[in-house]
Amino acid sequence: MAQKININNNIRSLKLRVIGHNGENLGVLTKDESLAKAKALGLDLIEVSPHADPPVARIADYGKYTYETSKKLKEVKSKAHSTETKTVQISVSISDNDLMMKARKTAEWINEGHRVKIDLQLKGRTKYMDEKFLRERMNRILAIVPADYKIAEPLKKVPKSMMVVLEKSK
């Protein structure tokens, strides 16, 4: 966990909103009353929300509480889907078979939810080719990508390549 959790005597607030070990609301109590109730049950007083007014504390077993919160964090992380920008590089003189392979891979990544940057590499003399011809080459791969996509970043020419970014259409 990122922030340090205050327990028992480390809690600084004198008044606390206390939640019992079964989840019931015990109301606003002083720190001493709260600690006495926790000790009577053989549990800890854990400051759950220190920035609330008054701060919220829970009567629970500290080890069990940290285990459950870390378990919840792991579950949230596993459900979060991170998208990457994958890159497909093609050249002006790419063969049709290679182009089909790259288009299939692009479709696969788009269907997984990733963004895909298609990079038309411009090496040597190809840097100075007619831009209309280069756009036609780029449109050739866009036409054969077998997936539902939308253009996230339009076609643009940078010094050593021409690129477009695709993503899954909603």
C-alpha atoms as a PDB file:
ATOM      1  CA  MET A   1       0.000   0.000   0.000  1.00  0.00           C
ATOM      2  CA  ALA A   2       1.138   3.516  -0.759  1.00  0.00           C
ATOM      3  CA  GLN A   3       0.173   5.266   2.475  1.00  0.00           C
ATOM      4  CA  LYS A   4       0.952   4.225   6.025  1.00  0.00           C
ATOM      5  CA  ILE A   5      -2.039   3.082   8.040  1.00  0.00           C
ATOM      6  CA  ASN A   6      -2.280   4.304  11.623  1.00  0.00           C
ATOM      7  CA  ILE A   7      -3.392   1.703  14.186  1.00  0.00           C
ATOM      8  CA  ASN A   8      -4.200   1.766  17.913  1.00  0.00           C
ATOM      9  CA  ASN A   9      -2.073   4.382  19.752  1.00  0.00           C
ATOM     10  CA  ASN A  10      -0.599   5.830  16.530  1.00  0.00           C
ATOM     11  CA  ILE A  11      -3.949   7.443  15.692  1.00  0.00           C
ATOM     12  CA  ARG A  12      -3.668  11.161  16.419  1.00  0.00           C
ATOM     13  CA  SER A  13      -7.299  12.308  16.272  1.00  0.00           C
ATOM     14  CA  LEU A  14      -9.134  12.620  19.569  1.00  0.00           C
ATOM     15  CA  LYS A  15     -12.609  11.965  18.076  1.00  0.00           C
ATOM     16  CA  LEU A  16     -13.271   9.157  15.597  1.00  0.00           C
ATOM     17  CA  ARG A  17     -16.261   7.803  13.682  1.00  0.00           C
ATOM     18  CA  VAL A  18     -16.003   4.138  14.585  1.00  0.00           C
ATOM     19  CA  ILE A  19     -17.182   1.127  12.584  1.00  0.00           C
ATOM     20  CA  GLY A  20     -17.517  -2.130  14.548  1.00  0.00           C
ATOM     21  CA  HIS A  21     -15.944  -5.458  13.630  1.00  0.00           C
ATOM     22  CA  ASN A  22     -19.230  -6.649  11.991  1.00  0.00           C
ATOM     23  CA  GLY A  23     -19.572  -3.451   9.924  1.00  0.00           C
ATOM     24  CA  GLU A  24     -22.042  -1.697  12.228  1.00  0.00           C
ATOM     25  CA  ASN A  25     -21.711   2.046  12.847  1.00  0.00           C
ATOM     26  CA  LEU A  26     -20.834   2.763  16.492  1.00  0.00           C
ATOM     27  CA  GLY A  27     -20.998   6.553  16.016  1.00  0.00           C
ATOM     28  CA  VAL A  28     -18.517   9.251  16.977  1.00  0.00           C
ATOM     29  CA  LEU A  29     -16.420   8.185  19.969  1.00  0.00           C
ATOM     30  CA  THR A  30     -13.294   9.462  21.658  1.00  0.00           C
ATOM     31  CA  LYS A  31      -9.995   7.763  20.877  1.00  0.00           C
ATOM     32  CA  ASP A  32      -9.824   6.222  24.385  1.00  0.00           C
ATOM     33  CA  GLU A  33     -13.368   4.769  24.187  1.00  0.00           C
ATOM     34  CA  SER A  34     -12.616   3.333  20.745  1.00  0.00           C
ATOM     35  CA  LEU A  35      -9.353   1.742  21.916  1.00  0.00           C
ATOM     36  CA  ALA A  36     -11.134   0.247  24.963  1.00  0.00           C
ATOM     37  CA  LYS A  37     -13.814  -1.353  22.753  1.00  0.00           C
ATOM     38  CA  ALA A  38     -11.152  -2.743  20.393  1.00  0.00           C
ATOM     39  CA  LYS A  39      -9.083  -4.171  23.282  1.00  0.00           C
ATOM     40  CA  ALA A  40     -12.206  -5.740  24.831  1.00  0.00           C
ATOM     41  CA  LEU A  41     -12.793  -7.622  21.570  1.00  0.00           C
ATOM     42  CA  GLY A  42      -9.105  -8.489  21.226  1.00  0.00           C
ATOM     43  CA  LEU A  43      -8.857  -6.567  17.938  1.00  0.00           C
ATOM     44  CA  ASP A  44      -7.098  -3.452  16.621  1.00  0.00           C
ATOM     45  CA  LEU A  45      -8.370   0.052  15.946  1.00  0.00           C
ATOM     46  CA  ILE A  46      -7.440   0.887  12.341  1.00  0.00           C
ATOM     47  CA  GLU A  47      -7.705   4.383  10.891  1.00  0.00           C
ATOM     48  CA  VAL A  48      -9.438   3.778   7.550  1.00  0.00           C
ATOM     49  CA  SER A  49     -10.060   7.326   6.317  1.00  0.00           C
ATOM     50  CA  PRO A  50      -7.773   9.852   8.057  1.00  0.00           C
ATOM     51  CA  HIS A  51      -8.876  12.846   5.958  1.00  0.00           C
ATOM     52  CA  ALA A  52     -12.607  12.612   6.747  1.00  0.00           C
ATOM     53  CA  ASP A  53     -14.178  14.879   9.376  1.00  0.00           C
ATOM     54  CA  PRO A  54     -14.106  13.200  11.903  1.00  0.00           C
ATOM     55  CA  PRO A  55     -11.639  10.512  10.777  1.00  0.00           C
ATOM     56  CA  VAL A  56     -13.100   7.035  10.264  1.00  0.00           C
ATOM     57  CA  ALA A  57     -11.671   4.093  12.201  1.00  0.00           C
ATOM     58  CA  ARG A  58     -12.583   0.406  12.078  1.00  0.00           C
ATOM     59  CA  ILE A  59     -12.327  -2.239  14.754  1.00  0.00           C
ATOM     60  CA  ALA A  60     -10.748  -5.258  13.053  1.00  0.00           C
ATOM     61  CA  ASP A  61      -7.774  -7.607  13.026  1.00  0.00           C
ATOM     62  CA  TYR A  62      -4.930  -5.601  11.425  1.00  0.00           C
ATOM     63  CA  GLY A  63      -3.347  -8.587   9.639  1.00  0.00           C
ATOM     64  CA  LYS A  64      -6.673  -9.666   8.175  1.00  0.00           C
ATOM     65  CA  TYR A  65      -7.479  -6.075   7.158  1.00  0.00           C
ATOM     66  CA  THR A  66      -4.181  -5.596   5.267  1.00  0.00           C
ATOM     67  CA  TYR A  67      -4.592  -8.992   3.591  1.00  0.00           C
ATOM     68  CA  GLU A  68      -8.113  -8.119   2.376  1.00  0.00           C
ATOM     69  CA  THR A  69      -7.133  -4.662   1.118  1.00  0.00           C
ATOM     70  CA  SER A  70      -4.125  -6.056  -0.787  1.00  0.00           C
ATOM     71  CA  LYS A  71      -6.378  -8.760  -2.241  1.00  0.00           C
ATOM     72  CA  LYS A  72      -8.850  -6.083  -3.425  1.00  0.00           C
ATOM     73  CA  LEU A  73      -6.016  -4.051  -4.993  1.00  0.00           C
ATOM     74  CA  LYS A  74      -4.744  -7.108  -6.883  1.00  0.00           C
ATOM     75  CA  GLU A  75      -8.257  -7.802  -8.162  1.00  0.00           C
ATOM     76  CA  VAL A  76      -8.673  -4.229  -9.377  1.00  0.00           C
ATOM     77  CA  LYS A  77      -5.274  -4.371 -11.101  1.00  0.00           C
ATOM     78  CA  SER A  78      -6.117  -7.633 -12.825  1.00  0.00           C
ATOM     79  CA  LYS A  79      -9.384  -6.207 -14.180  1.00  0.00           C
ATOM     80  CA  ALA A  80      -7.734  -3.045 -15.467  1.00  0.00           C
ATOM     81  CA  HIS A  81      -6.954  -3.429 -19.151  1.00  0.00           C
ATOM     82  CA  SER A  82      -3.847  -1.625 -20.272  1.00  0.00           C
ATOM     83  CA  THR A  83      -3.589  -0.682 -23.899  1.00  0.00           C
ATOM     84  CA  GLU A  84      -0.295  -0.444 -25.664  1.00  0.00           C
ATOM     85  CA  THR A  85       0.578   1.128 -28.943  1.00  0.00           C
ATOM     86  CA  LYS A  86       1.899  -1.656 -31.132  1.00  0.00           C
ATOM     87  CA  THR A  87       3.941  -0.802 -34.226  1.00  0.00           C
ATOM     88  CA  VAL A  88       3.777  -2.367 -37.669  1.00  0.00           C
ATOM     89  CA  GLN A  89       6.600  -1.330 -40.027  1.00  0.00           C
ATOM     90  CA  ILE A  90       6.214  -1.574 -43.765  1.00  0.00           C
ATOM     91  CA  SER A  91       8.315  -0.347 -46.663  1.00  0.00           C
ATOM     92  CA  VAL A  92       7.334   1.128 -50.014  1.00  0.00           C
ATOM     93  CA  SER A  93       8.368  -2.038 -51.867  1.00  0.00           C
ATOM     94  CA  ILE A  94       6.643  -4.574 -49.560  1.00  0.00           C
ATOM     95  CA  SER A  95       5.284  -7.699 -51.253  1.00  0.00           C
ATOM     96  CA  ASP A  96       1.562  -8.496 -51.244  1.00  0.00           C
ATOM     97  CA  ASN A  97       2.008 -11.588 -49.068  1.00  0.00           C
ATOM     98  CA  ASP A  98       3.984  -9.668 -46.431  1.00  0.00           C
ATOM     99  CA  LEU A  99       1.397  -6.897 -46.550  1.00  0.00           C
ATOM    100  CA  MET A 100      -1.402  -9.425 -45.885  1.00  0.00           C
ATOM    101  CA  MET A 101       0.522 -10.873 -42.925  1.00  0.00           C
ATOM    102  CA  LYS A 102       1.035  -7.405 -41.436  1.00  0.00           C
ATOM    103  CA  ALA A 103      -2.658  -6.562 -41.997  1.00  0.00           C
ATOM    104  CA  ARG A 104      -3.761  -9.747 -40.187  1.00  0.00           C
ATOM    105  CA  LYS A 105      -1.427  -8.997 -37.251  1.00  0.00           C
ATOM    106  CA  THR A 106      -2.762  -5.428 -37.134  1.00  0.00           C
ATOM    107  CA  ALA A 107      -6.355  -6.724 -37.026  1.00  0.00           C
ATOM    108  CA  GLU A 108      -5.445  -9.157 -34.247  1.00  0.00           C
ATOM    109  CA  TRP A 109      -3.972  -6.371 -32.107  1.00  0.00           C
ATOM    110  CA  ILE A 110      -6.906  -4.038 -32.791  1.00  0.00           C
ATOM    111  CA  ASN A 111      -9.371  -6.760 -31.737  1.00  0.00           C
ATOM    112  CA  GLU A 112      -7.396  -7.219 -28.494  1.00  0.00           C
ATOM    113  CA  GLY A 113      -7.990  -3.521 -27.809  1.00  0.00           C
ATOM    114  CA  HIS A 114      -4.512  -2.167 -28.545  1.00  0.00           C
ATOM    115  CA  ARG A 115      -3.708   0.863 -30.647  1.00  0.00           C
ATOM    116  CA  VAL A 116      -1.630   0.122 -33.729  1.00  0.00           C
ATOM    117  CA  LYS A 117       0.808   2.519 -35.375  1.00  0.00           C
ATOM    118  CA  ILE A 118       1.459   1.687 -39.004  1.00  0.00           C
ATOM    119  CA  ASP A 119       4.834   3.049 -40.040  1.00  0.00           C
ATOM    120  CA  LEU A 120       5.721   3.349 -43.723  1.00  0.00           C
ATOM    121  CA  GLN A 121       9.537   3.415 -43.586  1.00  0.00           C
ATOM    122  CA  LEU A 122      11.165   5.911 -45.940  1.00  0.00           C
ATOM    123  CA  LYS A 123      14.816   5.055 -46.510  1.00  0.00           C
ATOM    124  CA  GLY A 124      17.222   6.648 -48.940  1.00  0.00           C
ATOM    125  CA  ARG A 125      15.536   7.989 -52.076  1.00  0.00           C
ATOM    126  CA  THR A 126      12.048   6.999 -50.935  1.00  0.00           C
ATOM    127  CA  LYS A 127      12.082  10.031 -48.596  1.00  0.00           C
ATOM    128  CA  TYR A 128      11.746  12.277 -51.621  1.00  0.00           C
ATOM    129  CA  MET A 129       8.981  10.332 -53.409  1.00  0.00           C
ATOM    130  CA  ASP A 130       5.713  12.014 -54.350  1.00  0.00           C
ATOM    131  CA  GLU A 131       3.489  12.293 -51.271  1.00  0.00           C
ATOM    132  CA  LYS A 132       0.434  11.236 -53.293  1.00  0.00           C
ATOM    133  CA  PHE A 133       2.194   7.948 -54.170  1.00  0.00           C
ATOM    134  CA  LEU A 134       3.148   7.376 -50.512  1.00  0.00           C
ATOM    135  CA  ARG A 135      -0.434   8.000 -49.353  1.00  0.00           C
ATOM    136  CA  GLU A 136      -1.641   5.462 -51.909  1.00  0.00           C
ATOM    137  CA  ARG A 137       0.833   2.901 -50.493  1.00  0.00           C
ATOM    138  CA  MET A 138      -0.441   3.564 -46.965  1.00  0.00           C
ATOM    139  CA  ASN A 139      -4.092   3.331 -48.081  1.00  0.00           C
ATOM    140  CA  ARG A 140      -3.276  -0.067 -49.603  1.00  0.00           C
ATOM    141  CA  ILE A 141      -2.680  -1.615 -46.174  1.00  0.00           C
ATOM    142  CA  LEU A 142      -5.579   0.276 -44.568  1.00  0.00           C
ATOM    143  CA  ALA A 143      -7.935  -1.190 -47.178  1.00  0.00           C
ATOM    144  CA  ILE A 144      -7.017  -4.800 -46.369  1.00  0.00           C
ATOM    145  CA  VAL A 145      -7.009  -4.704 -42.538  1.00  0.00           C
ATOM    146  CA  PRO A 146      -9.815  -7.178 -41.657  1.00  0.00           C
ATOM    147  CA  ALA A 147     -11.030  -5.443 -38.483  1.00  0.00           C
ATOM    148  CA  ASP A 148     -13.374  -2.667 -37.404  1.00  0.00           C
ATOM    149  CA  TYR A 149     -11.107   0.271 -36.703  1.00  0.00           C
ATOM    150  CA  LYS A 150     -11.059   4.022 -36.639  1.00  0.00           C
ATOM    151  CA  ILE A 151      -8.157   6.328 -37.311  1.00  0.00           C
ATOM    152  CA  ALA A 152      -6.967   7.722 -33.961  1.00  0.00           C
ATOM    153  CA  GLU A 153      -4.221   9.917 -35.437  1.00  0.00           C
ATOM    154  CA  PRO A 154      -4.491  10.857 -39.106  1.00  0.00           C
ATOM    155  CA  LEU A 155      -1.811  10.116 -41.670  1.00  0.00           C
ATOM    156  CA  LYS A 156       1.223  12.354 -41.242  1.00  0.00           C
ATOM    157  CA  LYS A 157       4.693  12.493 -42.652  1.00  0.00           C
ATOM    158  CA  VAL A 158       7.650  12.673 -40.313  1.00  0.00           C
ATOM    159  CA  PRO A 159      11.235  12.903 -41.599  1.00  0.00           C
ATOM    160  CA  LYS A 160      11.990   9.181 -41.947  1.00  0.00           C
ATOM    161  CA  SER A 161       8.497   7.701 -42.221  1.00  0.00           C
ATOM    162  CA  MET A 162       4.832   8.213 -42.831  1.00  0.00           C
ATOM    163  CA  MET A 163       2.540   7.013 -40.069  1.00  0.00           C
ATOM    164  CA  VAL A 164      -1.068   6.529 -39.046  1.00  0.00           C
ATOM    165  CA  VAL A 165      -2.484   5.275 -35.718  1.00  0.00           C
ATOM    166  CA  LEU A 166      -5.515   2.973 -35.626  1.00  0.00           C
ATOM    167  CA  GLU A 167      -7.705   1.889 -32.737  1.00  0.00           C
ATOM    168  CA  LYS A 168     -10.795  -0.260 -32.252  1.00  0.00           C
ATOM    169  CA  SER A 169     -14.016   1.483 -33.200  1.00  0.00           C
ATOM    170  CA  LYS A 170     -16.567   1.478 -30.428  1.00  0.00           C
END
